[in-house]
């Protein structure tokens, strides 16, 4: 199984140059699977950072470090395989998508437990993100094209948004506000807005791709 891979995210052009340069400089002893495991380790660092941030908000730096480590492992594994021409299309695709499901949950838990946003809202954002991921996988099965990003947003952009959020929280705080008897922060508002954007992207992509596939596959 070989999918026509596309990455049209806002940062993809510069990211690809950087990743290829790093992949060419990695020692031969480091393989794509090692980098995949390193990405999982980065997600666990995010979780630990979120738990420690409950004690001291300064530990949000550990959340950001984990996001950088996760980006390195998650983005560099496939690049390394392509640079070395050692791709394993079926296994690589399977391993990449399954570890993404796991690490997305771990990262969401780390962010939701850090204390600057509600866990239920963070998990709601995860649902929206996974809905887009499911759309991409179903689209790839129907069309043979695998899109890493939707509407210019990919995993790297999402990580960057989280980093910016944590930096703003470290700099300005996120005091809770009581609304309808429940506590919310400005971060919750940002995340709810993000969830709305994801739903809009899902709906618009669903309709647009459905029309394209319908024209290409009209039936009897």
Protein backbone atom coordinates (compact mmCIF):
# COMPACT_ATOMS: atom_id res chain seq x y z
CA UNK A 1 0.00 0.00 0.00
CA UNK A 2 1.51 3.30 -1.16
CA UNK A 3 -0.45 6.48 -0.53
CA UNK A 4 0.10 9.77 -2.31
CA UNK A 5 1.21 11.87 0.68
CA UNK A 6 0.42 15.59 0.90
CA UNK A 7 1.36 18.14 3.54
CA UNK A 8 0.02 21.63 2.86
CA UNK A 9 0.21 23.00 6.40
CA UNK A 10 1.37 26.55 7.04
CA UNK A 11 4.79 25.45 8.30
CA UNK A 12 5.33 22.41 6.06
CA UNK A 13 7.78 24.02 3.62
CA UNK A 14 10.24 25.17 6.30
CA UNK A 15 9.62 22.10 8.45
CA UNK A 16 10.49 19.74 5.60
CA UNK A 17 13.82 21.48 4.95
CA UNK A 18 14.74 21.29 8.63
CA UNK A 19 13.70 17.65 9.03
CA UNK A 20 15.59 16.50 5.94
CA UNK A 21 18.72 18.30 7.13
CA UNK A 22 18.48 16.62 10.54
CA UNK A 23 17.73 13.19 9.03
CA UNK A 24 20.85 13.34 6.88
CA UNK A 25 22.98 14.03 9.94
CA UNK A 26 21.62 11.28 12.19
CA UNK A 27 23.97 8.36 12.89
CA UNK A 28 23.16 5.07 11.17
CA UNK A 29 22.52 3.45 14.54
CA UNK A 30 19.38 5.57 14.88
CA UNK A 31 16.45 4.15 12.92
CA UNK A 32 12.88 5.29 12.26
CA UNK A 33 11.45 3.02 14.96
CA UNK A 34 13.81 4.54 17.52
CA UNK A 35 12.45 7.97 16.62
CA UNK A 36 8.86 6.73 16.89
CA UNK A 37 9.63 5.50 20.42
CA UNK A 38 11.30 8.84 21.15
CA UNK A 39 8.08 10.60 20.13
CA UNK A 40 6.11 8.46 22.59
CA UNK A 41 8.65 9.39 25.27
CA UNK A 42 8.07 13.07 24.46
CA UNK A 43 4.32 12.63 24.98
CA UNK A 44 5.00 11.05 28.38
CA UNK A 45 7.17 14.05 29.29
CA UNK A 46 4.17 16.28 28.49
CA UNK A 47 2.03 14.22 30.87
CA UNK A 48 4.61 14.40 33.66
CA UNK A 49 4.99 18.14 33.12
CA UNK A 50 1.24 18.60 33.34
CA UNK A 51 1.06 16.68 36.60
CA UNK A 52 3.96 18.64 38.12
CA UNK A 53 2.39 21.93 36.97
CA UNK A 54 -0.39 21.28 39.48
CA UNK A 55 2.26 21.82 42.16
CA UNK A 56 4.12 24.66 40.46
CA UNK A 57 3.05 26.35 37.22
CA UNK A 58 6.72 26.78 36.32
CA UNK A 59 6.77 23.09 35.35
CA UNK A 60 4.90 24.03 32.18
CA UNK A 61 8.36 24.34 30.66
CA UNK A 62 8.46 20.55 30.89
CA UNK A 63 5.22 20.36 28.90
CA UNK A 64 6.83 22.44 26.15
CA UNK A 65 10.00 20.34 26.22
CA UNK A 66 7.88 17.21 25.82
CA UNK A 67 6.08 18.76 22.84
CA UNK A 68 9.41 19.50 21.16
CA UNK A 69 10.62 15.94 21.79
CA UNK A 70 7.34 14.56 20.49
CA UNK A 71 7.63 16.70 17.36
CA UNK A 72 11.17 15.44 16.75
CA UNK A 73 10.24 11.78 17.06
CA UNK A 74 6.86 11.95 15.35
CA UNK A 75 8.00 14.09 12.41
CA UNK A 76 11.50 12.75 11.91
CA UNK A 77 10.78 9.00 11.79
CA UNK A 78 9.08 9.03 8.40
CA UNK A 79 11.49 11.63 7.03
CA UNK A 80 14.45 9.45 8.00
CA UNK A 81 12.92 6.41 6.28
CA UNK A 82 12.33 8.42 3.09
CA UNK A 83 15.83 9.96 3.12
CA UNK A 84 17.45 6.54 3.55
CA UNK A 85 14.95 4.91 1.15
CA UNK A 86 14.08 2.28 3.76
CA UNK A 87 10.33 2.89 3.78
CA UNK A 88 8.03 0.12 4.99
CA UNK A 89 4.76 1.61 3.67
CA UNK A 90 2.24 -0.67 5.38
CA UNK A 91 4.04 -1.16 8.69
CA UNK A 92 5.18 2.44 8.86
CA UNK A 93 1.68 3.73 8.20
CA UNK A 94 0.18 1.37 10.78
CA UNK A 95 2.74 2.17 13.47
CA UNK A 96 2.58 5.92 12.85
CA UNK A 97 -1.21 6.13 13.04
CA UNK A 98 -1.51 3.88 16.10
CA UNK A 99 1.16 5.75 18.06
CA UNK A 100 -0.54 9.02 17.10
CA UNK A 101 -3.78 7.81 18.68
CA UNK A 102 -1.91 6.92 21.87
CA UNK A 103 0.26 10.02 22.10
CA UNK A 104 -2.61 12.38 21.28
CA UNK A 105 -4.45 11.06 24.33
CA UNK A 106 -1.37 11.27 26.56
CA UNK A 107 -0.67 14.87 25.47
CA UNK A 108 -4.31 15.87 25.99
CA UNK A 109 -4.21 14.42 29.50
CA UNK A 110 -1.00 16.32 30.23
CA UNK A 111 -2.52 19.61 29.08
CA UNK A 112 -5.85 18.96 30.81
CA UNK A 113 -4.24 18.02 34.12
CA UNK A 114 -1.87 21.01 34.16
CA UNK A 115 -4.51 23.20 35.77
CA UNK A 116 -4.79 26.07 33.29
CA UNK A 117 -7.66 24.48 31.33
CA UNK A 118 -10.48 22.12 32.24
CA UNK A 119 -9.81 18.46 31.57
CA UNK A 120 -13.28 17.92 30.05
CA UNK A 121 -12.79 20.76 27.57
CA UNK A 122 -9.30 19.53 26.70
CA UNK A 123 -10.69 16.07 25.98
CA UNK A 124 -13.44 17.67 23.88
CA UNK A 125 -10.73 19.29 21.77
CA UNK A 126 -9.09 15.85 21.49
CA UNK A 127 -12.38 14.48 20.15
CA UNK A 128 -12.43 17.19 17.48
CA UNK A 129 -8.81 16.51 16.56
CA UNK A 130 -9.41 12.76 16.33
CA UNK A 131 -12.49 13.39 14.16
CA UNK A 132 -10.23 15.17 11.69
CA UNK A 133 -7.77 12.29 11.92
CA UNK A 134 -10.53 9.79 11.15
CA UNK A 135 -11.62 11.90 8.19
CA UNK A 136 -8.06 11.85 6.83
CA UNK A 137 -7.81 8.06 7.17
CA UNK A 138 -11.20 7.45 5.53
CA UNK A 139 -10.33 9.90 2.78
CA UNK A 140 -7.05 8.10 2.13
CA UNK A 141 -8.84 4.75 1.84
CA UNK A 142 -11.36 6.21 -0.62
CA UNK A 143 -8.96 8.26 -2.75
CA UNK A 144 -5.43 6.93 -2.23
CA UNK A 145 -4.33 10.40 -1.11
CA UNK A 146 -3.10 10.96 2.43
CA UNK A 147 -3.28 14.56 3.66
CA UNK A 148 -1.22 15.37 6.75
CA UNK A 149 -3.01 18.69 7.20
CA UNK A 150 -6.51 20.12 6.80
CA UNK A 151 -7.13 23.80 6.16
CA UNK A 152 -3.43 24.54 6.62
CA UNK A 153 -3.40 22.99 10.09
CA UNK A 154 -1.33 19.93 10.89
CA UNK A 155 0.16 18.32 14.00
CA UNK A 156 3.05 20.80 14.11
CA UNK A 157 0.71 23.80 14.13
CA UNK A 158 -1.38 22.22 16.91
CA UNK A 159 1.73 21.65 19.03
CA UNK A 160 2.79 25.25 18.43
CA UNK A 161 -0.60 26.53 19.63
CA UNK A 162 -0.20 24.53 22.86
CA UNK A 163 3.32 25.94 23.36
CA UNK A 164 2.03 29.50 22.91
CA UNK A 165 -0.81 28.83 25.37
CA UNK A 166 1.55 27.53 28.04
CA UNK A 167 3.94 30.46 27.56
CA UNK A 168 1.07 32.92 27.95
CA UNK A 169 -0.10 31.11 31.08
CA UNK A 170 3.41 31.20 32.54
CA UNK A 171 3.65 34.90 31.76
CA UNK A 172 0.18 36.16 32.63
CA UNK A 173 -1.56 33.35 34.51
CA UNK A 174 -5.03 31.91 33.94
CA UNK A 175 -7.24 32.88 36.87
CA UNK A 176 -10.55 31.00 37.03
CA UNK A 177 -13.85 32.78 36.46
CA UNK A 178 -17.16 31.43 37.76
CA UNK A 179 -19.77 30.98 35.02
CA UNK A 180 -23.04 29.16 35.69
CA UNK A 181 -21.56 27.75 38.87
CA UNK A 182 -18.46 26.30 37.20
CA UNK A 183 -14.89 27.60 36.96
CA UNK A 184 -13.44 28.48 33.56
CA UNK A 185 -10.27 30.23 32.38
CA UNK A 186 -9.50 32.18 29.23
CA UNK A 187 -7.68 29.04 28.03
CA UNK A 188 -10.99 27.18 28.10
CA UNK A 189 -12.45 29.83 25.80
CA UNK A 190 -9.54 29.45 23.39
CA UNK A 191 -9.93 25.67 23.40
CA UNK A 192 -13.67 25.84 22.81
CA UNK A 193 -13.01 28.17 19.88
CA UNK A 194 -10.45 25.66 18.59
CA UNK A 195 -13.00 22.88 18.89
CA UNK A 196 -15.43 24.98 16.86
CA UNK A 197 -12.80 25.48 14.16
CA UNK A 198 -12.16 21.72 14.03
CA UNK A 199 -15.88 20.99 13.66
CA UNK A 200 -16.12 23.54 10.86
CA UNK A 201 -13.10 22.01 9.09
CA UNK A 202 -14.56 18.54 9.50
CA UNK A 203 -17.95 19.55 8.08
CA UNK A 204 -16.58 21.55 5.16
CA UNK A 205 -14.02 18.87 4.26
CA UNK A 206 -16.67 16.15 4.52
CA UNK A 207 -18.99 17.98 2.10
CA UNK A 208 -16.26 18.99 -0.35
CA UNK A 209 -14.61 15.56 -0.49
CA UNK A 210 -17.98 13.82 -0.67
CA UNK A 211 -18.87 15.86 -3.75
CA UNK A 212 -15.52 15.10 -5.41
CA UNK A 213 -15.77 11.37 -4.73
CA UNK A 214 -19.39 11.38 -5.91
CA UNK A 215 -18.40 12.92 -9.24
CA UNK A 216 -15.57 10.41 -9.69
CA UNK A 217 -17.73 7.45 -8.63
CA UNK A 218 -21.20 8.15 -10.07
CA UNK A 219 -22.47 4.54 -10.00
CA UNK A 220 -24.88 3.01 -12.50
